[in-house]
Protein backbone atom coordinates (compact mmCIF):
# COMPACT_ATOMS: atom_id res chain seq x y z
CA UNK A 1 -9.67 -6.96 14.99
CA UNK A 2 -7.44 -3.92 15.30
CA UNK A 3 -8.75 -0.73 13.72
CA UNK A 4 -6.66 0.36 10.74
CA UNK A 5 -4.79 3.58 11.51
CA UNK A 6 -4.90 6.38 8.92
CA UNK A 7 -1.39 7.63 8.12
CA UNK A 8 -2.27 9.67 5.02
CA UNK A 9 -1.56 12.96 6.78
CA UNK A 10 1.97 12.05 7.88
CA UNK A 11 5.03 13.85 6.55
CA UNK A 12 6.28 10.93 4.47
CA UNK A 13 2.96 10.26 2.76
CA UNK A 14 2.48 13.97 2.03
CA UNK A 15 5.83 13.91 0.22
CA UNK A 16 4.35 11.67 -2.48
CA UNK A 17 2.18 14.58 -3.62
CA UNK A 18 4.75 17.30 -2.98
CA UNK A 19 2.97 18.63 0.10
CA UNK A 20 5.55 17.90 2.79
CA UNK A 21 6.57 20.90 4.87
CA UNK A 22 10.14 19.57 5.15
CA UNK A 23 12.10 16.70 3.68
CA UNK A 24 11.06 13.37 5.20
CA UNK A 25 13.71 10.71 5.60
CA UNK A 26 14.20 7.05 6.35
CA UNK A 27 17.06 4.66 5.63
CA UNK A 28 17.22 1.31 3.91
CA UNK A 29 18.31 -1.28 6.49
CA UNK A 30 17.53 1.10 9.35
CA UNK A 31 15.71 -1.68 11.22
CA UNK A 32 18.67 -3.52 12.67
CA UNK A 33 22.18 -3.95 11.31
CA UNK A 34 24.09 -1.07 12.91
CA UNK A 35 22.02 -0.62 16.08
CA UNK A 36 23.57 -2.12 19.24
CA UNK A 37 20.14 -3.13 20.57
CA UNK A 38 19.50 -5.12 17.39
CA UNK A 39 22.83 -6.89 17.60
CA UNK A 40 22.09 -7.82 21.20
CA UNK A 41 18.73 -9.23 20.13
CA UNK A 42 20.42 -11.14 17.32
CA UNK A 43 22.61 -12.92 19.86
CA UNK A 44 19.45 -14.50 21.31
CA UNK A 45 17.40 -15.18 18.19
CA UNK A 46 17.89 -16.35 14.63
CA UNK A 47 16.99 -14.05 11.75
CA UNK A 48 13.88 -16.05 10.87
CA UNK A 49 12.76 -16.02 14.51
CA UNK A 50 12.87 -12.21 14.50
CA UNK A 51 11.06 -12.00 11.16
CA UNK A 52 8.30 -14.50 11.95
CA UNK A 53 7.58 -13.59 15.57
CA UNK A 54 5.22 -10.56 15.63
CA UNK A 55 6.59 -9.28 18.94
CA UNK A 56 10.23 -9.46 17.86
CA UNK A 57 9.41 -8.08 14.41
CA UNK A 58 7.66 -5.14 16.04
CA UNK A 59 10.54 -4.50 18.43
CA UNK A 60 13.10 -4.33 15.61
CA UNK A 61 10.86 -2.33 13.26
CA UNK A 62 10.14 0.36 15.86
CA UNK A 63 13.70 0.49 17.21
CA UNK A 64 15.06 3.16 14.78
CA UNK A 65 12.23 5.62 15.37
CA UNK A 66 13.41 6.87 18.76
CA UNK A 67 17.06 5.92 18.32
CA UNK A 68 17.59 7.59 14.94
CA UNK A 69 14.73 10.07 14.63
CA UNK A 70 13.56 8.94 11.18
CA UNK A 71 10.15 9.81 9.70
CA UNK A 72 9.00 6.30 8.78
CA UNK A 73 9.37 2.72 9.93
CA UNK A 74 10.08 -0.06 7.46
CA UNK A 75 8.70 -3.49 8.20
CA UNK A 76 11.48 -5.77 9.41
CA UNK A 77 11.73 -8.64 6.96
CA UNK A 78 13.71 -9.74 3.90
CA UNK A 79 13.05 -9.93 0.18
CA UNK A 80 13.27 -13.74 0.53
CA UNK A 81 10.50 -13.95 3.15
CA UNK A 82 7.96 -14.48 0.37
CA UNK A 83 9.71 -17.52 -1.19
CA UNK A 84 10.46 -18.81 2.32
CA UNK A 85 6.71 -18.79 2.93
CA UNK A 86 6.19 -20.66 -0.33
CA UNK A 87 8.40 -23.54 0.78
CA UNK A 88 11.89 -22.60 -0.37
CA UNK A 89 14.51 -23.73 2.15
CA UNK A 90 16.54 -20.59 2.84
CA UNK A 91 19.28 -20.07 5.38
CA UNK A 92 21.53 -17.07 5.91
CA UNK A 93 25.22 -17.84 6.38
CA UNK A 94 27.40 -15.16 7.93
CA UNK A 95 29.75 -13.64 5.39
CA UNK A 96 28.13 -15.55 2.53
CA UNK A 97 24.49 -14.49 2.37
CA UNK A 98 21.38 -16.51 1.59
CA UNK A 99 21.75 -20.17 0.69
CA UNK A 100 18.85 -22.06 -0.89
CA UNK A 101 18.92 -25.84 -0.78
CA UNK A 102 15.98 -26.36 -3.18
CA UNK A 103 16.66 -23.86 -5.99
CA UNK A 104 14.59 -23.50 -9.14
CA UNK A 105 15.98 -25.57 -12.00
CA UNK A 106 12.80 -25.59 -14.04
CA UNK A 107 9.21 -24.47 -13.71
CA UNK A 108 8.36 -27.94 -12.36
CA UNK A 109 10.17 -26.99 -9.15
CA UNK A 110 7.48 -24.38 -8.50
CA UNK A 111 4.70 -26.93 -8.92
CA UNK A 112 5.78 -28.72 -5.74
CA UNK A 113 5.51 -25.49 -3.73
CA UNK A 114 2.39 -23.78 -2.45
CA UNK A 115 1.28 -20.17 -2.81
CA UNK A 116 1.93 -18.08 0.26
CA UNK A 117 -1.06 -18.77 2.47
CA UNK A 118 -0.04 -18.53 6.14
CA UNK A 119 0.21 -14.77 6.55
CA UNK A 120 -1.07 -14.52 10.09
CA UNK A 121 2.34 -13.51 11.44
CA UNK A 122 2.51 -10.62 8.94
CA UNK A 123 -0.93 -9.26 9.80
CA UNK A 124 -0.30 -9.61 13.53
CA UNK A 125 3.09 -7.92 13.29
CA UNK A 126 1.79 -4.99 11.22
CA UNK A 127 -1.13 -4.45 13.60
CA UNK A 128 1.21 -4.49 16.60
CA UNK A 129 3.68 -2.14 14.90
CA UNK A 130 0.98 0.37 13.94
CA UNK A 131 -0.38 0.32 17.47
CA UNK A 132 3.13 0.95 18.82
CA UNK A 133 4.32 3.65 16.41
CA UNK A 134 3.63 7.34 17.09
CA UNK A 135 0.71 8.75 15.11
CA UNK A 136 3.04 10.75 12.84
CA UNK A 137 5.13 7.74 11.76
CA UNK A 138 3.85 5.57 8.89
CA UNK A 139 4.90 1.99 8.21
CA UNK A 140 6.51 1.10 4.87
CA UNK A 141 6.15 -2.43 3.57
CA UNK A 142 8.34 -3.95 0.88
CA UNK A 143 9.00 -6.85 -1.42
CA UNK A 144 11.75 -7.90 -3.75
CA UNK A 145 11.13 -7.53 -7.47
CA UNK A 146 10.41 -10.87 -9.17
CA UNK A 147 13.67 -10.69 -11.13
CA UNK A 148 15.85 -9.96 -8.11
CA UNK A 149 14.17 -12.68 -6.05
CA UNK A 150 14.60 -15.16 -8.88
CA UNK A 151 18.32 -14.44 -9.14
CA UNK A 152 18.63 -16.00 -5.68
CA UNK A 153 16.12 -18.78 -6.24
CA UNK A 154 17.66 -19.90 -9.53
CA UNK A 155 21.31 -19.49 -8.51
CA UNK A 156 20.72 -21.16 -5.14
CA UNK A 157 21.77 -18.08 -3.19
CA UNK A 158 24.14 -15.17 -3.66
CA UNK A 159 25.93 -15.15 -7.00
CA UNK A 160 28.53 -13.13 -8.89
CA UNK A 161 28.08 -14.51 -12.40
CA UNK A 162 24.30 -15.10 -12.57
CA UNK A 163 25.12 -17.80 -15.14
CA UNK A 164 22.11 -19.98 -14.29
CA UNK A 165 19.77 -17.01 -14.55
CA UNK A 166 21.23 -16.01 -17.91
CA UNK A 167 20.99 -19.57 -19.23
CA UNK A 168 17.31 -19.74 -18.41
CA UNK A 169 16.61 -16.23 -19.73
CA UNK A 170 18.21 -16.76 -23.11
CA UNK A 171 17.99 -20.52 -23.69
CA UNK A 172 14.60 -21.11 -22.08
CA UNK A 173 12.88 -17.74 -22.38
CA UNK A 174 9.33 -19.07 -22.33
CA UNK A 175 10.01 -20.94 -19.12
CA UNK A 176 11.69 -17.91 -17.55
CA UNK A 177 8.71 -15.69 -18.40
CA UNK A 178 6.33 -18.25 -16.93
CA UNK A 179 8.28 -18.32 -13.67
CA UNK A 180 8.45 -14.51 -13.62
CA UNK A 181 4.68 -14.32 -14.01
CA UNK A 182 4.15 -16.81 -11.19
CA UNK A 183 6.42 -14.80 -8.87
CA UNK A 184 4.77 -11.55 -9.94
CA UNK A 185 1.37 -12.92 -8.97
CA UNK A 186 2.77 -14.04 -5.61
CA UNK A 187 4.39 -10.63 -5.03
CA UNK A 188 1.15 -8.77 -5.75
CA UNK A 189 -0.69 -11.05 -3.33
CA UNK A 190 2.02 -10.59 -0.69
CA UNK A 191 1.97 -6.79 -0.94
CA UNK A 192 -1.82 -6.63 -0.88
CA UNK A 193 -1.81 -8.75 2.27
CA UNK A 194 0.45 -6.12 3.84
CA UNK A 195 -1.74 -3.33 2.49
CA UNK A 196 -4.86 -4.88 4.03
CA UNK A 197 -2.98 -5.29 7.31
CA UNK A 198 -2.09 -1.59 7.43
CA UNK A 199 1.12 -0.53 5.68
CA UNK A 200 0.94 3.06 4.40
CA UNK A 201 3.32 2.73 1.42
CA UNK A 202 5.57 0.14 -0.15
CA UNK A 203 8.96 -0.14 -1.81
CA UNK A 204 9.91 -2.68 -4.45
CA UNK A 205 13.58 -3.63 -4.20
CA UNK A 206 15.28 -4.48 -7.50
CA UNK A 207 18.86 -4.98 -6.41
CA UNK A 208 19.94 -6.98 -9.45
CA UNK A 209 17.84 -5.55 -12.29
CA UNK A 210 20.72 -3.23 -13.11
CA UNK A 211 22.87 -6.12 -14.39
CA UNK A 212 20.73 -6.19 -17.54
CA UNK A 213 20.95 -4.17 -20.74
CA UNK A 214 18.00 -1.82 -21.38
CA UNK A 215 16.58 -4.09 -24.12
CA UNK A 216 16.74 -7.12 -21.83
CA UNK A 217 15.28 -5.17 -18.92
CA UNK A 218 12.35 -4.17 -21.10
CA UNK A 219 11.74 -7.79 -22.07
CA UNK A 220 12.37 -9.67 -18.84
CA UNK A 221 11.70 -7.18 -16.01
CA UNK A 222 9.67 -4.11 -16.92
CA UNK A 223 6.32 -5.79 -17.74
CA UNK A 224 6.30 -7.53 -14.39
CA UNK A 225 7.14 -4.54 -12.18
CA UNK A 226 4.50 -2.57 -14.09
CA UNK A 227 1.94 -5.20 -13.13
CA UNK A 228 2.89 -4.85 -9.47
CA UNK A 229 2.63 -1.06 -9.34
CA UNK A 230 -0.67 -1.24 -11.20
CA UNK A 231 -2.16 -3.87 -8.89
CA UNK A 232 -1.11 -2.56 -5.46
CA UNK A 233 -2.97 0.67 -4.76
CA UNK A 234 -0.65 2.40 -2.30
CA UNK A 235 1.99 5.14 -2.49
CA UNK A 236 4.89 3.30 -4.11
CA UNK A 237 8.67 3.47 -4.49
CA UNK A 238 10.82 1.59 -6.99
CA UNK A 239 14.43 1.04 -5.94
CA UNK A 240 16.79 -0.06 -8.69
CA UNK A 241 20.48 -0.38 -7.91
CA UNK A 242 23.02 0.53 -10.65
CA UNK A 243 20.28 2.21 -12.65
CA UNK A 244 22.10 4.91 -14.65
CA UNK A 245 21.42 3.16 -17.97
CA UNK A 246 17.83 2.34 -17.06
CA UNK A 247 16.28 5.69 -16.13
CA UNK A 248 13.79 5.59 -19.01
CA UNK A 249 12.69 2.13 -17.93
CA UNK A 250 12.39 3.18 -14.28
CA UNK A 251 10.18 6.10 -15.28
CA UNK A 252 7.91 3.70 -17.20
CA UNK A 253 7.66 1.26 -14.28
CA UNK A 254 4.67 3.07 -12.81
CA UNK A 255 5.80 3.78 -9.25
CA UNK A 256 5.13 7.12 -7.58
CA UNK A 257 8.74 7.56 -6.48
CA UNK A 258 12.05 6.43 -7.96
CA UNK A 259 14.69 5.44 -5.42
CA UNK A 260 18.13 5.82 -7.00
CA UNK A 261 21.56 4.31 -6.46
CA UNK A 262 24.79 6.30 -6.49
CA UNK A 263 25.29 5.93 -10.24
CA UNK A 264 22.75 8.74 -10.78
CA UNK A 265 23.44 12.43 -10.18
CA UNK A 266 20.02 13.92 -9.49
CA UNK A 267 21.42 17.43 -10.06
CA UNK A 268 22.38 16.80 -13.69
CA UNK A 269 20.35 13.88 -15.06
CA UNK A 270 18.21 15.65 -17.68
CA UNK A 271 15.95 12.67 -18.35
CA UNK A 272 15.08 12.34 -14.68
CA UNK A 273 14.55 16.07 -14.20
CA UNK A 274 12.38 16.35 -17.30
CA UNK A 275 10.18 13.47 -16.15
CA UNK A 276 9.16 15.36 -13.00
CA UNK A 277 8.88 12.08 -11.15
CA UNK A 278 9.20 11.99 -7.41
CA UNK A 279 12.69 11.02 -6.27
CA UNK A 280 14.02 9.19 -3.23
CA UNK A 281 17.66 8.98 -2.24
CA UNK A 282 20.44 8.96 -2.98
CA UNK A 283 23.26 9.85 -0.58
CA UNK A 284 26.13 7.48 -1.38
CA UNK A 285 26.20 4.89 1.39
CA UNK A 286 30.01 4.94 1.42
CA UNK A 287 29.87 8.51 2.76
CA UNK A 288 28.66 7.15 6.10
CA UNK A 289 32.35 6.59 6.86
CA UNK A 290 33.37 10.18 6.02
CA UNK A 291 33.97 13.05 8.46
CA UNK A 292 31.04 15.23 9.48
CA UNK A 293 32.11 18.22 7.40
CA UNK A 294 32.17 16.12 4.24
CA UNK A 295 28.85 14.50 5.08
CA UNK A 296 27.18 17.84 5.83
CA UNK A 297 28.35 19.27 2.51
CA UNK A 298 27.19 16.23 0.54
CA UNK A 299 23.80 16.21 2.27
CA UNK A 300 23.29 19.93 1.63
CA UNK A 301 24.19 19.60 -2.06
CA UNK A 302 21.84 16.65 -2.49
CA UNK A 303 18.96 18.42 -0.77
CA UNK A 304 19.48 21.57 -2.81
CA UNK A 305 19.50 19.56 -6.06
CA UNK A 306 16.22 17.93 -5.02
CA UNK A 307 14.68 21.28 -4.10
CA UNK A 308 15.71 22.85 -7.41
CA UNK A 309 14.59 20.04 -9.70
CA UNK A 310 11.87 17.75 -8.34
CA UNK A 311 8.25 18.21 -7.29
CA UNK A 312 8.45 15.60 -4.52
CA UNK A 313 11.37 14.14 -2.63
CA UNK A 314 12.24 11.73 0.18
CA UNK A 315 15.77 11.55 1.59
CA UNK A 316 17.45 8.15 1.74
CA UNK A 317 20.72 6.44 0.89
CA UNK A 318 21.96 4.88 -2.34
CA UNK A 319 21.69 1.47 -0.63
CA UNK A 320 21.41 0.12 2.89
CA UNK A 321 23.29 0.93 6.10
CA UNK A 322 26.24 -1.38 6.71
CA UNK A 323 26.48 -3.13 10.09
CA UNK A 324 29.65 -1.29 11.17
CA UNK A 325 28.30 2.25 10.60
CA UNK A 326 28.25 4.40 13.72
CA UNK A 327 24.63 5.25 14.67
CA UNK A 328 25.86 8.70 15.65
CA UNK A 329 26.63 9.33 11.98
CA UNK A 330 23.05 8.46 11.07
CA UNK A 331 21.70 10.79 13.76
CA UNK A 332 23.96 13.57 12.46
CA UNK A 333 22.52 13.12 8.95
CA UNK A 334 18.98 13.15 10.35
CA UNK A 335 19.65 16.49 12.02
CA UNK A 336 21.17 17.94 8.84
CA UNK A 337 18.16 16.91 6.76
CA UNK A 338 15.61 18.15 9.27
CA UNK A 339 17.29 21.56 9.47
CA UNK A 340 17.27 22.09 5.69
CA UNK A 341 14.93 24.85 4.46
CA UNK A 342 12.74 22.94 2.01
CA UNK A 343 10.25 25.73 1.50
């Protein structure tokens, strides 16, 4: 068995307690997407092959460390890897997104599936990644929030209306809550498997939680994410896209850090500032197409706002890197962040 590597003294992990000497940074979707080496690998292998093969998973996960100069690796996977391991039939179609041929229509559809039990590929991949990464680079694990994952599983893939989700939420609330609890239990188990294997922190992605009103979020989402952050004892980050109307709920979720989309101005949001929560983010991902002068100014303003208002901070984007972004732009941002006088 590989010896677990202690990453508690790394820059990123120190940021959770406000002890980082400079701003640490990583990017959502840094493992793959825009990197030429990843695209070359993708020509030879399917997505699931890269996720489920420990050697390929390690190669993609480690790729951005030397090529981009980031301060953390994020485990190469997908928020639908968990349901895939439970028996959902999931394929990714170019230009369309995930397609699920056995969606959830009722709670009975979950009864025919099995809890995630074959996790050997995850443990092997994490061990290999940790043995490959430099000592100063921690590995971040992640999962999708139960609500966001269920939007795909109930709709049968990507959706614009979420009509099937809404029908179950409002017309069959008891059934929806039962399914949410089942997926919450599975998510906790999944993250703890990654914790035991050696991740140093984790992020919970809630891409679609922001489609809900605050009262609905409190009823259908908040209790379940609170369970996750309570049950997984690691430095934690909660990412909620389109979260401007849900800051109070994010604060109550229980994560150590709040990762924010572009709808929040961290320089002026009084509720966020008053909370003194740790913040991650939130350079608008669209700015990755801007000229360097504009990017440098935006990065500086964001960093200064974080320095002035928050006890702990990690630099990231408002969402993930798009495939057509020039890696040179990412490297330029890395240099700008690293040169900022945090202390």
